[in-house]
Amino acid sequence: MKKVWLIFVFIFSLILIAKQSSSQCSICTKTAQQLGEKTGRGLNAGILYLAAAPLLIVGFIGYRWWKNNRDE
């Protein structure tokens, strides 16, 4: 149960951090500023959405690697 709670807290904290982070390069930032605030937030959400898939894949591979190589 402790492990499930720890995973839940970790995922929840990542969601909070991702919500507050700015994931735009300088070109995307200038474009978002020209488009307006609402469209800029949509662009930022799209960038975070596109970045989530590779990060989840790498995280899953890292977790499996760690799980298979730890000493028990």
PDB file of N, CA and C in Angstrom:
ATOM      1  N   MET A   1       0.821  -1.189   0.000  1.00  0.00           N
ATOM      2  CA  MET A   1       0.000   0.000   0.000  1.00  0.00           C
ATOM      3  C   MET A   1       0.866   1.254   0.000  1.00  0.00           C
ATOM      4  N   LYS A   2       1.975   1.191   0.719  1.00  0.00           N
ATOM      5  CA  LYS A   2       2.867   2.345   0.785  1.00  0.00           C
ATOM      6  C   LYS A   2       3.440   2.661  -0.598  1.00  0.00           C
ATOM      7  N   LYS A   3       3.751   1.630  -1.371  1.00  0.00           N
ATOM      8  CA  LYS A   3       4.306   1.821  -2.702  1.00  0.00           C
ATOM      9  C   LYS A   3       3.284   2.481  -3.628  1.00  0.00           C
ATOM     10  N   VAL A   4       2.024   2.070  -3.542  1.00  0.00           N
ATOM     11  CA  VAL A   4       0.971   2.659  -4.370  1.00  0.00           C
ATOM     12  C   VAL A   4       0.781   4.122  -4.004  1.00  0.00           C
ATOM     13  N   TRP A   5       0.792   4.438  -2.730  1.00  0.00           N
ATOM     14  CA  TRP A   5       0.643   5.817  -2.275  1.00  0.00           C
ATOM     15  C   TRP A   5       1.802   6.672  -2.767  1.00  0.00           C
ATOM     16  N   LEU A   6       3.006   6.149  -2.712  1.00  0.00           N
ATOM     17  CA  LEU A   6       4.181   6.882  -3.174  1.00  0.00           C
ATOM     18  C   LEU A   6       4.095   7.163  -4.669  1.00  0.00           C
ATOM     19  N   ILE A   7       3.666   6.191  -5.442  1.00  0.00           N
ATOM     20  CA  ILE A   7       3.510   6.384  -6.889  1.00  0.00           C
ATOM     21  C   ILE A   7       2.435   7.436  -7.163  1.00  0.00           C
ATOM     22  N   PHE A   8       1.331   7.382  -6.430  1.00  0.00           N
ATOM     23  CA  PHE A   8       0.255   8.367  -6.603  1.00  0.00           C
ATOM     24  C   PHE A   8       0.744   9.778  -6.315  1.00  0.00           C
ATOM     25  N   VAL A   9       1.469   9.951  -5.232  1.00  0.00           N
ATOM     26  CA  VAL A   9       1.988  11.271  -4.867  1.00  0.00           C
ATOM     27  C   VAL A   9       2.984  11.763  -5.924  1.00  0.00           C
ATOM     28  N   PHE A  10       3.817  10.875  -6.423  1.00  0.00           N
ATOM     29  CA  PHE A  10       4.796  11.237  -7.444  1.00  0.00           C
ATOM     30  C   PHE A  10       4.101  11.697  -8.728  1.00  0.00           C
ATOM     31  N   ILE A  11       3.108  10.951  -9.180  1.00  0.00           N
ATOM     32  CA  ILE A  11       2.394  11.311 -10.410  1.00  0.00           C
ATOM     33  C   ILE A  11       1.630  12.625 -10.212  1.00  0.00           C
ATOM     34  N   PHE A  12       1.005  12.789  -9.062  1.00  0.00           N
ATOM     35  CA  PHE A  12       0.268  14.020  -8.782  1.00  0.00           C
ATOM     36  C   PHE A  12       1.200  15.232  -8.776  1.00  0.00           C
ATOM     37  N   SER A  13       2.379  15.080  -8.183  1.00  0.00           N
ATOM     38  CA  SER A  13       3.326  16.197  -8.164  1.00  0.00           C
ATOM     39  C   SER A  13       3.836  16.511  -9.568  1.00  0.00           C
ATOM     40  N   LEU A  14       4.022  15.486 -10.397  1.00  0.00           N
ATOM     41  CA  LEU A  14       4.430  15.741 -11.779  1.00  0.00           C
ATOM     42  C   LEU A  14       3.356  16.500 -12.554  1.00  0.00           C
ATOM     43  N   ILE A  15       2.104  16.174 -12.291  1.00  0.00           N
ATOM     44  CA  ILE A  15       1.017  16.882 -12.958  1.00  0.00           C
ATOM     45  C   ILE A  15       0.998  18.356 -12.540  1.00  0.00           C
ATOM     46  N   LEU A  16       1.206  18.614 -11.253  1.00  0.00           N
ATOM     47  CA  LEU A  16       1.235  20.001 -10.788  1.00  0.00           C
ATOM     48  C   LEU A  16       2.406  20.767 -11.377  1.00  0.00           C
ATOM     49  N   ILE A  17       3.555  20.127 -11.466  1.00  0.00           N
ATOM     50  CA  ILE A  17       4.729  20.790 -12.031  1.00  0.00           C
ATOM     51  C   ILE A  17       4.519  21.059 -13.513  1.00  0.00           C
ATOM     52  N   ALA A  18       3.958  20.100 -14.234  1.00  0.00           N
ATOM     53  CA  ALA A  18       3.733  20.279 -15.665  1.00  0.00           C
ATOM     54  C   ALA A  18       2.725  21.385 -15.931  1.00  0.00           C
ATOM     55  N   LYS A  19       1.770  21.544 -15.045  1.00  0.00           N
ATOM     56  CA  LYS A  19       0.762  22.586 -15.222  1.00  0.00           C
ATOM     57  C   LYS A  19       1.389  23.973 -15.096  1.00  0.00           C
ATOM     58  N   GLN A  20       2.401  24.117 -14.266  1.00  0.00           N
ATOM     59  CA  GLN A  20       3.007  25.416 -14.024  1.00  0.00           C
ATOM     60  C   GLN A  20       4.220  25.681 -14.915  1.00  0.00           C
ATOM     61  N   SER A  21       4.759  24.651 -15.517  1.00  0.00           N
ATOM     62  CA  SER A  21       5.990  24.833 -16.282  1.00  0.00           C
ATOM     63  C   SER A  21       5.708  25.469 -17.635  1.00  0.00           C
ATOM     64  N   SER A  22       6.711  26.098 -18.148  1.00  0.00           N
ATOM     65  CA  SER A  22       6.631  26.682 -19.476  1.00  0.00           C
ATOM     66  C   SER A  22       7.537  25.875 -20.384  1.00  0.00           C
ATOM     67  N   SER A  23       6.940  25.226 -21.357  1.00  0.00           N
ATOM     68  CA  SER A  23       7.719  24.312 -22.177  1.00  0.00           C
ATOM     69  C   SER A  23       7.892  24.832 -23.601  1.00  0.00           C
ATOM     70  N   GLN A  24       8.104  26.106 -23.724  1.00  0.00           N
ATOM     71  CA  GLN A  24       8.215  26.682 -25.048  1.00  0.00           C
ATOM     72  C   GLN A  24       9.639  27.143 -25.327  1.00  0.00           C
ATOM     73  N   CYS A  25      10.072  26.903 -26.552  1.00  0.00           N
ATOM     74  CA  CYS A  25      11.347  27.454 -26.982  1.00  0.00           C
ATOM     75  C   CYS A  25      11.142  28.940 -27.287  1.00  0.00           C
ATOM     76  N   SER A  26      12.198  29.632 -27.630  1.00  0.00           N
ATOM     77  CA  SER A  26      12.075  31.076 -27.852  1.00  0.00           C
ATOM     78  C   SER A  26      11.192  31.400 -29.059  1.00  0.00           C
ATOM     79  N   ILE A  27      11.231  30.595 -30.083  1.00  0.00           N
ATOM     80  CA  ILE A  27      10.400  30.854 -31.267  1.00  0.00           C
ATOM     81  C   ILE A  27       8.927  30.633 -30.929  1.00  0.00           C
ATOM     82  N   CYS A  28       8.641  29.540 -30.209  1.00  0.00           N
ATOM     83  CA  CYS A  28       7.255  29.269 -29.823  1.00  0.00           C
ATOM     84  C   CYS A  28       6.735  30.340 -28.866  1.00  0.00           C
ATOM     85  N   THR A  29       7.584  30.849 -27.996  1.00  0.00           N
ATOM     86  CA  THR A  29       7.167  31.895 -27.063  1.00  0.00           C
ATOM     87  C   THR A  29       6.771  33.151 -27.818  1.00  0.00           C
ATOM     88  N   LYS A  30       7.577  33.564 -28.786  1.00  0.00           N
ATOM     89  CA  LYS A  30       7.250  34.762 -29.581  1.00  0.00           C
ATOM     90  C   LYS A  30       5.953  34.559 -30.354  1.00  0.00           C
ATOM     91  N   THR A  31       5.780  33.366 -30.924  1.00  0.00           N
ATOM     92  CA  THR A  31       4.553  33.078 -31.664  1.00  0.00           C
ATOM     93  C   THR A  31       3.345  33.120 -30.740  1.00  0.00           C
ATOM     94  N   ALA A  32       3.463  32.539 -29.560  1.00  0.00           N
ATOM     95  CA  ALA A  32       2.364  32.517 -28.602  1.00  0.00           C
ATOM     96  C   ALA A  32       2.021  33.932 -28.126  1.00  0.00           C
ATOM     97  N   GLN A  33       3.025  34.783 -27.961  1.00  0.00           N
ATOM     98  CA  GLN A  33       2.766  36.156 -27.546  1.00  0.00           C
ATOM     99  C   GLN A  33       2.011  36.922 -28.624  1.00  0.00           C
ATOM    100  N   GLN A  34       2.309  36.638 -29.875  1.00  0.00           N
ATOM    101  CA  GLN A  34       1.628  37.322 -30.965  1.00  0.00           C
ATOM    102  C   GLN A  34       0.196  36.820 -31.139  1.00  0.00           C
ATOM    103  N   LEU A  35      -0.046  35.562 -30.810  1.00  0.00           N
ATOM    104  CA  LEU A  35      -1.383  34.988 -31.003  1.00  0.00           C
ATOM    105  C   LEU A  35      -2.368  35.402 -29.919  1.00  0.00           C
ATOM    106  N   GLY A  36      -1.868  35.691 -28.739  1.00  0.00           N
ATOM    107  CA  GLY A  36      -2.744  36.052 -27.629  1.00  0.00           C
ATOM    108  C   GLY A  36      -2.611  35.046 -26.500  1.00  0.00           C
ATOM    109  N   GLU A  37      -3.195  35.407 -25.355  1.00  0.00           N
ATOM    110  CA  GLU A  37      -3.006  34.593 -24.152  1.00  0.00           C
ATOM    111  C   GLU A  37      -3.720  33.242 -24.239  1.00  0.00           C
ATOM    112  N   LYS A  38      -4.959  33.234 -24.684  1.00  0.00           N
ATOM    113  CA  LYS A  38      -5.717  31.976 -24.732  1.00  0.00           C
ATOM    114  C   LYS A  38      -5.096  30.997 -25.734  1.00  0.00           C
ATOM    115  N   THR A  39      -4.756  31.469 -26.891  1.00  0.00           N
ATOM    116  CA  THR A  39      -4.125  30.619 -27.895  1.00  0.00           C
ATOM    117  C   THR A  39      -2.738  30.183 -27.442  1.00  0.00           C
ATOM    118  N   GLY A  40      -2.030  31.061 -26.752  1.00  0.00           N
ATOM    119  CA  GLY A  40      -0.706  30.715 -26.231  1.00  0.00           C
ATOM    120  C   GLY A  40      -0.774  29.598 -25.206  1.00  0.00           C
ATOM    121  N   ARG A  41      -1.793  29.626 -24.350  1.00  0.00           N
ATOM    122  CA  ARG A  41      -1.968  28.540 -23.380  1.00  0.00           C
ATOM    123  C   ARG A  41      -2.291  27.236 -24.093  1.00  0.00           C
ATOM    124  N   GLY A  42      -3.065  27.314 -25.162  1.00  0.00           N
ATOM    125  CA  GLY A  42      -3.368  26.114 -25.955  1.00  0.00           C
ATOM    126  C   GLY A  42      -2.125  25.559 -26.621  1.00  0.00           C
ATOM    127  N   LEU A  43      -1.280  26.450 -27.136  1.00  0.00           N
ATOM    128  CA  LEU A  43      -0.026  26.021 -27.744  1.00  0.00           C
ATOM    129  C   LEU A  43       0.881  25.360 -26.712  1.00  0.00           C
ATOM    130  N   ASN A  44       0.962  25.935 -25.521  1.00  0.00           N
ATOM    131  CA  ASN A  44       1.776  25.363 -24.451  1.00  0.00           C
ATOM    132  C   ASN A  44       1.241  23.992 -24.036  1.00  0.00           C
ATOM    133  N   ALA A  45      -0.071  23.850 -23.936  1.00  0.00           N
ATOM    134  CA  ALA A  45      -0.667  22.552 -23.592  1.00  0.00           C
ATOM    135  C   ALA A  45      -0.370  21.521 -24.673  1.00  0.00           C
ATOM    136  N   GLY A  46      -0.394  21.925 -25.925  1.00  0.00           N
ATOM    137  CA  GLY A  46      -0.072  21.007 -27.017  1.00  0.00           C
ATOM    138  C   GLY A  46       1.375  20.549 -26.966  1.00  0.00           C
ATOM    139  N   ILE A  47       2.275  21.444 -26.625  1.00  0.00           N
ATOM    140  CA  ILE A  47       3.688  21.085 -26.505  1.00  0.00           C
ATOM    141  C   ILE A  47       3.885  20.096 -25.366  1.00  0.00           C
ATOM    142  N   LEU A  48       3.228  20.337 -24.244  1.00  0.00           N
ATOM    143  CA  LEU A  48       3.322  19.406 -23.119  1.00  0.00           C
ATOM    144  C   LEU A  48       2.733  18.044 -23.486  1.00  0.00           C
ATOM    145  N   TYR A  49       1.629  18.042 -24.222  1.00  0.00           N
ATOM    146  CA  TYR A  49       1.003  16.796 -24.649  1.00  0.00           C
ATOM    147  C   TYR A  49       1.940  16.000 -25.558  1.00  0.00           C
ATOM    148  N   LEU A  50       2.570  16.675 -26.504  1.00  0.00           N
ATOM    149  CA  LEU A  50       3.495  15.991 -27.414  1.00  0.00           C
ATOM    150  C   LEU A  50       4.758  15.512 -26.703  1.00  0.00           C
ATOM    151  N   ALA A  51       5.177  16.204 -25.657  1.00  0.00           N
ATOM    152  CA  ALA A  51       6.367  15.800 -24.915  1.00  0.00           C
ATOM    153  C   ALA A  51       6.084  14.656 -23.956  1.00  0.00           C
ATOM    154  N   ALA A  52       4.823  14.457 -23.592  1.00  0.00           N
ATOM    155  CA  ALA A  52       4.480  13.438 -22.600  1.00  0.00           C
ATOM    156  C   ALA A  52       4.733  12.027 -23.102  1.00  0.00           C
ATOM    157  N   ALA A  53       4.419  11.739 -24.353  1.00  0.00           N
ATOM    158  CA  ALA A  53       4.571  10.375 -24.873  1.00  0.00           C
ATOM    159  C   ALA A  53       6.021   9.883 -24.823  1.00  0.00           C
ATOM    160  N   PRO A  54       6.996  10.615 -25.349  1.00  0.00           N
ATOM    161  CA  PRO A  54       8.377  10.123 -25.260  1.00  0.00           C
ATOM    162  C   PRO A  54       8.876  10.025 -23.817  1.00  0.00           C
ATOM    163  N   LEU A  55       8.465  10.970 -22.970  1.00  0.00           N
ATOM    164  CA  LEU A  55       8.903  10.916 -21.572  1.00  0.00           C
ATOM    165  C   LEU A  55       8.319   9.704 -20.849  1.00  0.00           C
ATOM    166  N   LEU A  56       7.069   9.375 -21.131  1.00  0.00           N
ATOM    167  CA  LEU A  56       6.460   8.189 -20.530  1.00  0.00           C
ATOM    168  C   LEU A  56       7.126   6.909 -21.025  1.00  0.00           C
ATOM    169  N   ILE A  57       7.465   6.853 -22.293  1.00  0.00           N
ATOM    170  CA  ILE A  57       8.134   5.670 -22.841  1.00  0.00           C
ATOM    171  C   ILE A  57       9.502   5.490 -22.195  1.00  0.00           C
ATOM    172  N   VAL A  58      10.276   6.563 -22.112  1.00  0.00           N
ATOM    173  CA  VAL A  58      11.597   6.485 -21.485  1.00  0.00           C
ATOM    174  C   VAL A  58      11.474   6.133 -20.009  1.00  0.00           C
ATOM    175  N   GLY A  59      10.484   6.700 -19.339  1.00  0.00           N
ATOM    176  CA  GLY A  59      10.256   6.377 -17.931  1.00  0.00           C
ATOM    177  C   GLY A  59       9.896   4.918 -17.731  1.00  0.00           C
ATOM    178  N   PHE A  60       9.054   4.383 -18.607  1.00  0.00           N
ATOM    179  CA  PHE A  60       8.658   2.977 -18.512  1.00  0.00           C
ATOM    180  C   PHE A  60       9.854   2.063 -18.751  1.00  0.00           C
ATOM    181  N   ILE A  61      10.676   2.365 -19.757  1.00  0.00           N
ATOM    182  CA  ILE A  61      11.867   1.561 -20.030  1.00  0.00           C
ATOM    183  C   ILE A  61      12.837   1.638 -18.862  1.00  0.00           C
ATOM    184  N   GLY A  62      13.020   2.824 -18.300  1.00  0.00           N
ATOM    185  CA  GLY A  62      13.905   2.972 -17.145  1.00  0.00           C
ATOM    186  C   GLY A  62      13.406   2.206 -15.939  1.00  0.00           C
ATOM    187  N   TYR A  63      12.105   2.235 -15.715  1.00  0.00           N
ATOM    188  CA  TYR A  63      11.525   1.500 -14.588  1.00  0.00           C
ATOM    189  C   TYR A  63      11.713  -0.002 -14.767  1.00  0.00           C
ATOM    190  N   ARG A  64      11.450  -0.503 -15.960  1.00  0.00           N
ATOM    191  CA  ARG A  64      11.622  -1.943 -16.214  1.00  0.00           C
ATOM    192  C   ARG A  64      13.085  -2.355 -16.063  1.00  0.00           C
ATOM    193  N   TRP A  65      13.990  -1.502 -16.537  1.00  0.00           N
ATOM    194  CA  TRP A  65      15.412  -1.798 -16.422  1.00  0.00           C
ATOM    195  C   TRP A  65      15.809  -1.842 -14.944  1.00  0.00           C
ATOM    196  N   TRP A  66      15.359  -0.839 -14.183  1.00  0.00           N
ATOM    197  CA  TRP A  66      15.674  -0.801 -12.763  1.00  0.00           C
ATOM    198  C   TRP A  66      15.092  -2.010 -12.041  1.00  0.00           C
ATOM    199  N   LYS A  67      13.863  -2.374 -12.371  1.00  0.00           N
ATOM    200  CA  LYS A  67      13.194  -3.494 -11.707  1.00  0.00           C
ATOM    201  C   LYS A  67      13.905  -4.816 -12.007  1.00  0.00           C
ATOM    202  N   ASN A  68      14.381  -4.992 -13.235  1.00  0.00           N
ATOM    203  CA  ASN A  68      15.057  -6.232 -13.612  1.00  0.00           C
ATOM    204  C   ASN A  68      16.478  -6.327 -13.066  1.00  0.00           C
ATOM    205  N   ASN A  69      17.123  -5.205 -12.777  1.00  0.00           N
ATOM    206  CA  ASN A  69      18.527  -5.218 -12.365  1.00  0.00           C
ATOM    207  C   ASN A  69      18.751  -4.993 -10.872  1.00  0.00           C
ATOM    208  N   ARG A  70      17.710  -4.772 -10.113  1.00  0.00           N
ATOM    209  CA  ARG A  70      17.908  -4.556  -8.679  1.00  0.00           C
ATOM    210  C   ARG A  70      18.166  -5.878  -7.958  1.00  0.00           C
ATOM    211  N   ASP A  71      18.862  -5.793  -6.858  1.00  0.00           N
ATOM    212  CA  ASP A  71      19.175  -6.982  -6.067  1.00  0.00           C
ATOM    213  C   ASP A  71      18.012  -7.315  -5.143  1.00  0.00           C
ATOM    214  N   GLU A  72      17.614  -8.564  -5.177  1.00  0.00           N
ATOM    215  CA  GLU A  72      16.537  -8.999  -4.282  1.00  0.00           C
ATOM    216  C   GLU A  72      17.008 -10.138  -3.436  1.00  0.00           C
TER     217      GLU A  72
END
